[in-house]
Amino acid sequence: MKEIILKVEGMHCEGCEKRIQNAIKNIEGVESVTANYNDGTVKVILIKDIEKNIVTEIIEDIGFEVKED
């Protein structure tokens, strides 16, 4: 398994967390996703190798900004 942790700007509530989680959880190969608006992170657990940019694009497509490390 592989873990991706992204810094995401624009999450302000639990509704934002759910929007992100719902958008990512159905990607083939995603085991789980947890968004946390308090610390501005999205943690994705993968069961197969998926490019980080696929997850990033989905988050940005629904209106949030992913910050690069």
PDB file of N, CA and C in Angstrom:
ATOM      1  N   MET A   1       0.838  -1.188   0.000  1.00  0.00           N
ATOM      2  CA  MET A   1       0.000   0.000   0.000  1.00  0.00           C
ATOM      3  C   MET A   1       0.877   1.243   0.000  1.00  0.00           C
ATOM      4  N   LYS A   2       0.316   2.293  -0.519  1.00  0.00           N
ATOM      5  CA  LYS A   2       1.016   3.571  -0.610  1.00  0.00           C
ATOM      6  C   LYS A   2       0.113   4.653  -0.027  1.00  0.00           C
ATOM      7  N   GLU A   3       0.717   5.637   0.613  1.00  0.00           N
ATOM      8  CA  GLU A   3      -0.029   6.737   1.214  1.00  0.00           C
ATOM      9  C   GLU A   3       0.390   8.045   0.554  1.00  0.00           C
ATOM     10  N   ILE A   4      -0.605   8.848   0.206  1.00  0.00           N
ATOM     11  CA  ILE A   4      -0.368  10.190  -0.335  1.00  0.00           C
ATOM     12  C   ILE A   4      -1.005  11.173   0.643  1.00  0.00           C
ATOM     13  N   ILE A   5      -0.250  12.181   1.045  1.00  0.00           N
ATOM     14  CA  ILE A   5      -0.810  13.247   1.880  1.00  0.00           C
ATOM     15  C   ILE A   5      -0.630  14.561   1.131  1.00  0.00           C
ATOM     16  N   LEU A   6      -1.742  15.243   0.916  1.00  0.00           N
ATOM     17  CA  LEU A   6      -1.742  16.495   0.167  1.00  0.00           C
ATOM     18  C   LEU A   6      -2.184  17.645   1.064  1.00  0.00           C
ATOM     19  N   LYS A   7      -1.573  18.804   0.883  1.00  0.00           N
ATOM     20  CA  LYS A   7      -2.034  20.032   1.528  1.00  0.00           C
ATOM     21  C   LYS A   7      -3.043  20.673   0.584  1.00  0.00           C
ATOM     22  N   VAL A   8      -4.241  20.935   1.102  1.00  0.00           N
ATOM     23  CA  VAL A   8      -5.328  21.451   0.270  1.00  0.00           C
ATOM     24  C   VAL A   8      -5.881  22.728   0.892  1.00  0.00           C
ATOM     25  N   GLU A   9      -5.985  23.765   0.084  1.00  0.00           N
ATOM     26  CA  GLU A   9      -6.572  25.030   0.532  1.00  0.00           C
ATOM     27  C   GLU A   9      -8.011  25.128   0.039  1.00  0.00           C
ATOM     28  N   GLY A  10      -8.829  25.786   0.855  1.00  0.00           N
ATOM     29  CA  GLY A  10     -10.206  26.033   0.454  1.00  0.00           C
ATOM     30  C   GLY A  10     -11.233  25.192   1.192  1.00  0.00           C
ATOM     31  N   MET A  11     -10.790  24.257   2.027  1.00  0.00           N
ATOM     32  CA  MET A  11     -11.732  23.485   2.837  1.00  0.00           C
ATOM     33  C   MET A  11     -12.092  24.309   4.068  1.00  0.00           C
ATOM     34  N   HIS A  12     -13.399  24.485   4.300  1.00  0.00           N
ATOM     35  CA  HIS A  12     -13.838  25.315   5.412  1.00  0.00           C
ATOM     36  C   HIS A  12     -14.789  24.610   6.365  1.00  0.00           C
ATOM     37  N   CYS A  13     -15.220  23.383   6.000  1.00  0.00           N
ATOM     38  CA  CYS A  13     -16.223  22.706   6.816  1.00  0.00           C
ATOM     39  C   CYS A  13     -16.242  21.208   6.497  1.00  0.00           C
ATOM     40  N   GLU A  14     -17.074  20.476   7.226  1.00  0.00           N
ATOM     41  CA  GLU A  14     -17.206  19.044   6.987  1.00  0.00           C
ATOM     42  C   GLU A  14     -17.785  18.754   5.600  1.00  0.00           C
ATOM     43  N   GLY A  15     -18.605  19.668   5.098  1.00  0.00           N
ATOM     44  CA  GLY A  15     -19.146  19.508   3.750  1.00  0.00           C
ATOM     45  C   GLY A  15     -18.041  19.492   2.699  1.00  0.00           C
ATOM     46  N   CYS A  16     -17.040  20.335   2.889  1.00  0.00           N
ATOM     47  CA  CYS A  16     -15.884  20.353   1.980  1.00  0.00           C
ATOM     48  C   CYS A  16     -15.136  19.028   2.051  1.00  0.00           C
ATOM     49  N   GLU A  17     -14.953  18.532   3.271  1.00  0.00           N
ATOM     50  CA  GLU A  17     -14.288  17.241   3.442  1.00  0.00           C
ATOM     51  C   GLU A  17     -15.028  16.147   2.676  1.00  0.00           C
ATOM     52  N   LYS A  18     -16.344  16.118   2.823  1.00  0.00           N
ATOM     53  CA  LYS A  18     -17.147  15.085   2.165  1.00  0.00           C
ATOM     54  C   LYS A  18     -17.092  15.198   0.641  1.00  0.00           C
ATOM     55  N   ARG A  19     -17.094  16.426   0.119  1.00  0.00           N
ATOM     56  CA  ARG A  19     -16.988  16.614  -1.340  1.00  0.00           C
ATOM     57  C   ARG A  19     -15.707  15.999  -1.869  1.00  0.00           C
ATOM     58  N   ILE A  20     -14.605  16.252  -1.191  1.00  0.00           N
ATOM     59  CA  ILE A  20     -13.315  15.712  -1.614  1.00  0.00           C
ATOM     60  C   ILE A  20     -13.297  14.197  -1.479  1.00  0.00           C
ATOM     61  N   GLN A  21     -13.745  13.702  -0.327  1.00  0.00           N
ATOM     62  CA  GLN A  21     -13.754  12.256  -0.097  1.00  0.00           C
ATOM     63  C   GLN A  21     -14.603  11.540  -1.138  1.00  0.00           C
ATOM     64  N   ASN A  22     -15.783  12.065  -1.432  1.00  0.00           N
ATOM     65  CA  ASN A  22     -16.665  11.437  -2.418  1.00  0.00           C
ATOM     66  C   ASN A  22     -16.074  11.462  -3.819  1.00  0.00           C
ATOM     67  N   ALA A  23     -15.353  12.521  -4.143  1.00  0.00           N
ATOM     68  CA  ALA A  23     -14.757  12.636  -5.478  1.00  0.00           C
ATOM     69  C   ALA A  23     -13.613  11.648  -5.678  1.00  0.00           C
ATOM     70  N   ILE A  24     -12.890  11.334  -4.607  1.00  0.00           N
ATOM     71  CA  ILE A  24     -11.691  10.495  -4.726  1.00  0.00           C
ATOM     72  C   ILE A  24     -11.952   9.022  -4.445  1.00  0.00           C
ATOM     73  N   LYS A  25     -12.920   8.720  -3.585  1.00  0.00           N
ATOM     74  CA  LYS A  25     -13.076   7.342  -3.109  1.00  0.00           C
ATOM     75  C   LYS A  25     -13.414   6.334  -4.207  1.00  0.00           C
ATOM     76  N   ASN A  26     -13.954   6.790  -5.303  1.00  0.00           N
ATOM     77  CA  ASN A  26     -14.340   5.862  -6.368  1.00  0.00           C
ATOM     78  C   ASN A  26     -13.272   5.658  -7.438  1.00  0.00           C
ATOM     79  N   ILE A  27     -12.102   6.259  -7.264  1.00  0.00           N
ATOM     80  CA  ILE A  27     -11.005   6.019  -8.190  1.00  0.00           C
ATOM     81  C   ILE A  27     -10.526   4.584  -7.992  1.00  0.00           C
ATOM     82  N   GLU A  28     -10.375   3.875  -9.079  1.00  0.00           N
ATOM     83  CA  GLU A  28      -9.891   2.503  -8.984  1.00  0.00           C
ATOM     84  C   GLU A  28      -8.508   2.487  -8.343  1.00  0.00           C
ATOM     85  N   GLY A  29      -8.366   1.693  -7.297  1.00  0.00           N
ATOM     86  CA  GLY A  29      -7.095   1.589  -6.600  1.00  0.00           C
ATOM     87  C   GLY A  29      -7.023   2.368  -5.305  1.00  0.00           C
ATOM     88  N   VAL A  30      -8.055   3.165  -5.002  1.00  0.00           N
ATOM     89  CA  VAL A  30      -8.083   3.915  -3.748  1.00  0.00           C
ATOM     90  C   VAL A  30      -8.703   3.035  -2.663  1.00  0.00           C
ATOM     91  N   GLU A  31      -7.957   2.816  -1.611  1.00  0.00           N
ATOM     92  CA  GLU A  31      -8.438   2.039  -0.462  1.00  0.00           C
ATOM     93  C   GLU A  31      -9.289   2.916   0.453  1.00  0.00           C
ATOM     94  N   SER A  32      -8.773   4.119   0.772  1.00  0.00           N
ATOM     95  CA  SER A  32      -9.519   5.042   1.626  1.00  0.00           C
ATOM     96  C   SER A  32      -9.023   6.463   1.407  1.00  0.00           C
ATOM     97  N   VAL A  33      -9.871   7.407   1.803  1.00  0.00           N
ATOM     98  CA  VAL A  33      -9.503   8.820   1.715  1.00  0.00           C
ATOM     99  C   VAL A  33     -10.071   9.537   2.932  1.00  0.00           C
ATOM    100  N   THR A  34      -9.239  10.388   3.538  1.00  0.00           N
ATOM    101  CA  THR A  34      -9.655  11.170   4.691  1.00  0.00           C
ATOM    102  C   THR A  34      -9.242  12.615   4.462  1.00  0.00           C
ATOM    103  N   ALA A  35     -10.237  13.500   4.467  1.00  0.00           N
ATOM    104  CA  ALA A  35      -9.967  14.928   4.342  1.00  0.00           C
ATOM    105  C   ALA A  35     -10.175  15.570   5.712  1.00  0.00           C
ATOM    106  N   ASN A  36      -9.330  16.547   6.051  1.00  0.00           N
ATOM    107  CA  ASN A  36      -9.431  17.227   7.333  1.00  0.00           C
ATOM    108  C   ASN A  36      -9.306  18.726   7.100  1.00  0.00           C
ATOM    109  N   TYR A  37     -10.428  19.437   7.238  1.00  0.00           N
ATOM    110  CA  TYR A  37     -10.390  20.877   6.972  1.00  0.00           C
ATOM    111  C   TYR A  37      -9.629  21.643   8.053  1.00  0.00           C
ATOM    112  N   ASN A  38      -9.563  21.106   9.275  1.00  0.00           N
ATOM    113  CA  ASN A  38      -8.854  21.802  10.351  1.00  0.00           C
ATOM    114  C   ASN A  38      -7.368  21.966  10.058  1.00  0.00           C
ATOM    115  N   ASP A  39      -6.751  20.924   9.523  1.00  0.00           N
ATOM    116  CA  ASP A  39      -5.322  21.040   9.213  1.00  0.00           C
ATOM    117  C   ASP A  39      -5.039  21.130   7.714  1.00  0.00           C
ATOM    118  N   GLY A  40      -6.100  21.146   6.894  1.00  0.00           N
ATOM    119  CA  GLY A  40      -5.937  21.353   5.457  1.00  0.00           C
ATOM    120  C   GLY A  40      -5.240  20.215   4.734  1.00  0.00           C
ATOM    121  N   THR A  41      -5.515  18.983   5.165  1.00  0.00           N
ATOM    122  CA  THR A  41      -4.865  17.842   4.529  1.00  0.00           C
ATOM    123  C   THR A  41      -5.883  16.849   3.980  1.00  0.00           C
ATOM    124  N   VAL A  42      -5.425  16.136   2.962  1.00  0.00           N
ATOM    125  CA  VAL A  42      -6.167  15.003   2.412  1.00  0.00           C
ATOM    126  C   VAL A  42      -5.197  13.832   2.387  1.00  0.00           C
ATOM    127  N   LYS A  43      -5.587  12.741   3.038  1.00  0.00           N
ATOM    128  CA  LYS A  43      -4.759  11.536   3.095  1.00  0.00           C
ATOM    129  C   LYS A  43      -5.450  10.446   2.280  1.00  0.00           C
ATOM    130  N   VAL A  44      -4.714   9.905   1.309  1.00  0.00           N
ATOM    131  CA  VAL A  44      -5.249   8.881   0.426  1.00  0.00           C
ATOM    132  C   VAL A  44      -4.401   7.617   0.578  1.00  0.00           C
ATOM    133  N   ILE A  45      -5.054   6.498   0.865  1.00  0.00           N
ATOM    134  CA  ILE A  45      -4.386   5.201   0.954  1.00  0.00           C
ATOM    135  C   ILE A  45      -4.704   4.448  -0.337  1.00  0.00           C
ATOM    136  N   LEU A  46      -3.662   4.016  -1.034  1.00  0.00           N
ATOM    137  CA  LEU A  46      -3.812   3.347  -2.323  1.00  0.00           C
ATOM    138  C   LEU A  46      -3.482   1.865  -2.202  1.00  0.00           C
ATOM    139  N   ILE A  47      -4.248   1.041  -2.926  1.00  0.00           N
ATOM    140  CA  ILE A  47      -3.936  -0.384  -2.976  1.00  0.00           C
ATOM    141  C   ILE A  47      -3.241  -0.742  -4.284  1.00  0.00           C
ATOM    142  N   LYS A  48      -3.193   0.208  -5.196  1.00  0.00           N
ATOM    143  CA  LYS A  48      -2.383   0.030  -6.404  1.00  0.00           C
ATOM    144  C   LYS A  48      -1.769   1.370  -6.768  1.00  0.00           C
ATOM    145  N   ASP A  49      -0.734   1.335  -7.564  1.00  0.00           N
ATOM    146  CA  ASP A  49       0.014   2.544  -7.881  1.00  0.00           C
ATOM    147  C   ASP A  49      -0.800   3.477  -8.772  1.00  0.00           C
ATOM    148  N   ILE A  50      -1.099   4.643  -8.259  1.00  0.00           N
ATOM    149  CA  ILE A  50      -1.829   5.672  -8.988  1.00  0.00           C
ATOM    150  C   ILE A  50      -0.986   6.937  -8.954  1.00  0.00           C
ATOM    151  N   GLU A  51      -0.922   7.623 -10.055  1.00  0.00           N
ATOM    152  CA  GLU A  51      -0.166   8.873 -10.115  1.00  0.00           C
ATOM    153  C   GLU A  51      -0.805   9.924  -9.198  1.00  0.00           C
ATOM    154  N   LYS A  52       0.023  10.614  -8.459  1.00  0.00           N
ATOM    155  CA  LYS A  52      -0.432  11.664  -7.543  1.00  0.00           C
ATOM    156  C   LYS A  52      -1.210  12.750  -8.285  1.00  0.00           C
ATOM    157  N   ASN A  53      -0.794  13.041  -9.520  1.00  0.00           N
ATOM    158  CA  ASN A  53      -1.451  14.117 -10.274  1.00  0.00           C
ATOM    159  C   ASN A  53      -2.908  13.793 -10.609  1.00  0.00           C
ATOM    160  N   ILE A  54      -3.280  12.520 -10.671  1.00  0.00           N
ATOM    161  CA  ILE A  54      -4.682  12.149 -10.915  1.00  0.00           C
ATOM    162  C   ILE A  54      -5.531  12.610  -9.739  1.00  0.00           C
ATOM    163  N   VAL A  55      -5.076  12.342  -8.536  1.00  0.00           N
ATOM    164  CA  VAL A  55      -5.796  12.763  -7.329  1.00  0.00           C
ATOM    165  C   VAL A  55      -5.825  14.283  -7.248  1.00  0.00           C
ATOM    166  N   THR A  56      -4.697  14.921  -7.516  1.00  0.00           N
ATOM    167  CA  THR A  56      -4.602  16.379  -7.476  1.00  0.00           C
ATOM    168  C   THR A  56      -5.588  17.025  -8.450  1.00  0.00           C
ATOM    169  N   GLU A  57      -5.652  16.515  -9.663  1.00  0.00           N
ATOM    170  CA  GLU A  57      -6.560  17.084 -10.675  1.00  0.00           C
ATOM    171  C   GLU A  57      -8.012  16.981 -10.243  1.00  0.00           C
ATOM    172  N   ILE A  58      -8.394  15.863  -9.663  1.00  0.00           N
ATOM    173  CA  ILE A  58      -9.778  15.696  -9.216  1.00  0.00           C
ATOM    174  C   ILE A  58     -10.118  16.702  -8.123  1.00  0.00           C
ATOM    175  N   ILE A  59      -9.216  16.884  -7.174  1.00  0.00           N
ATOM    176  CA  ILE A  59      -9.445  17.855  -6.096  1.00  0.00           C
ATOM    177  C   ILE A  59      -9.571  19.258  -6.668  1.00  0.00           C
ATOM    178  N   GLU A  60      -8.705  19.612  -7.598  1.00  0.00           N
ATOM    179  CA  GLU A  60      -8.750  20.955  -8.189  1.00  0.00           C
ATOM    180  C   GLU A  60      -9.970  21.136  -9.085  1.00  0.00           C
ATOM    181  N   ASP A  61     -10.407  20.073  -9.755  1.00  0.00           N
ATOM    182  CA  ASP A  61     -11.597  20.151 -10.616  1.00  0.00           C
ATOM    183  C   ASP A  61     -12.866  20.476  -9.833  1.00  0.00           C
ATOM    184  N   ILE A  62     -12.903  20.116  -8.536  1.00  0.00           N
ATOM    185  CA  ILE A  62     -14.100  20.420  -7.750  1.00  0.00           C
ATOM    186  C   ILE A  62     -13.947  21.712  -6.936  1.00  0.00           C
ATOM    187  N   GLY A  63     -12.875  22.473  -7.201  1.00  0.00           N
ATOM    188  CA  GLY A  63     -12.787  23.817  -6.670  1.00  0.00           C
ATOM    189  C   GLY A  63     -11.824  24.068  -5.520  1.00  0.00           C
ATOM    190  N   PHE A  64     -10.949  23.132  -5.222  1.00  0.00           N
ATOM    191  CA  PHE A  64      -9.975  23.333  -4.165  1.00  0.00           C
ATOM    192  C   PHE A  64      -8.591  23.459  -4.769  1.00  0.00           C
ATOM    193  N   GLU A  65      -7.650  23.984  -3.978  1.00  0.00           N
ATOM    194  CA  GLU A  65      -6.287  24.164  -4.479  1.00  0.00           C
ATOM    195  C   GLU A  65      -5.326  23.266  -3.714  1.00  0.00           C
ATOM    196  N   VAL A  66      -4.590  22.460  -4.464  1.00  0.00           N
ATOM    197  CA  VAL A  66      -3.580  21.593  -3.861  1.00  0.00           C
ATOM    198  C   VAL A  66      -2.255  22.332  -3.871  1.00  0.00           C
ATOM    199  N   LYS A  67      -1.617  22.401  -2.703  1.00  0.00           N
ATOM    200  CA  LYS A  67      -0.333  23.075  -2.561  1.00  0.00           C
ATOM    201  C   LYS A  67       0.774  22.037  -2.653  1.00  0.00           C
ATOM    202  N   GLU A  68       1.773  22.317  -3.455  1.00  0.00           N
ATOM    203  CA  GLU A  68       2.923  21.428  -3.562  1.00  0.00           C
ATOM    204  C   GLU A  68       3.857  21.643  -2.386  1.00  0.00           C
ATOM    205  N   ASP A  69       4.538  20.586  -1.981  1.00  0.00           N
ATOM    206  CA  ASP A  69       5.475  20.666  -0.852  1.00  0.00           C
ATOM    207  C   ASP A  69       6.666  21.525  -1.203  1.00  0.00           C
TER     208      ASP A  69
END
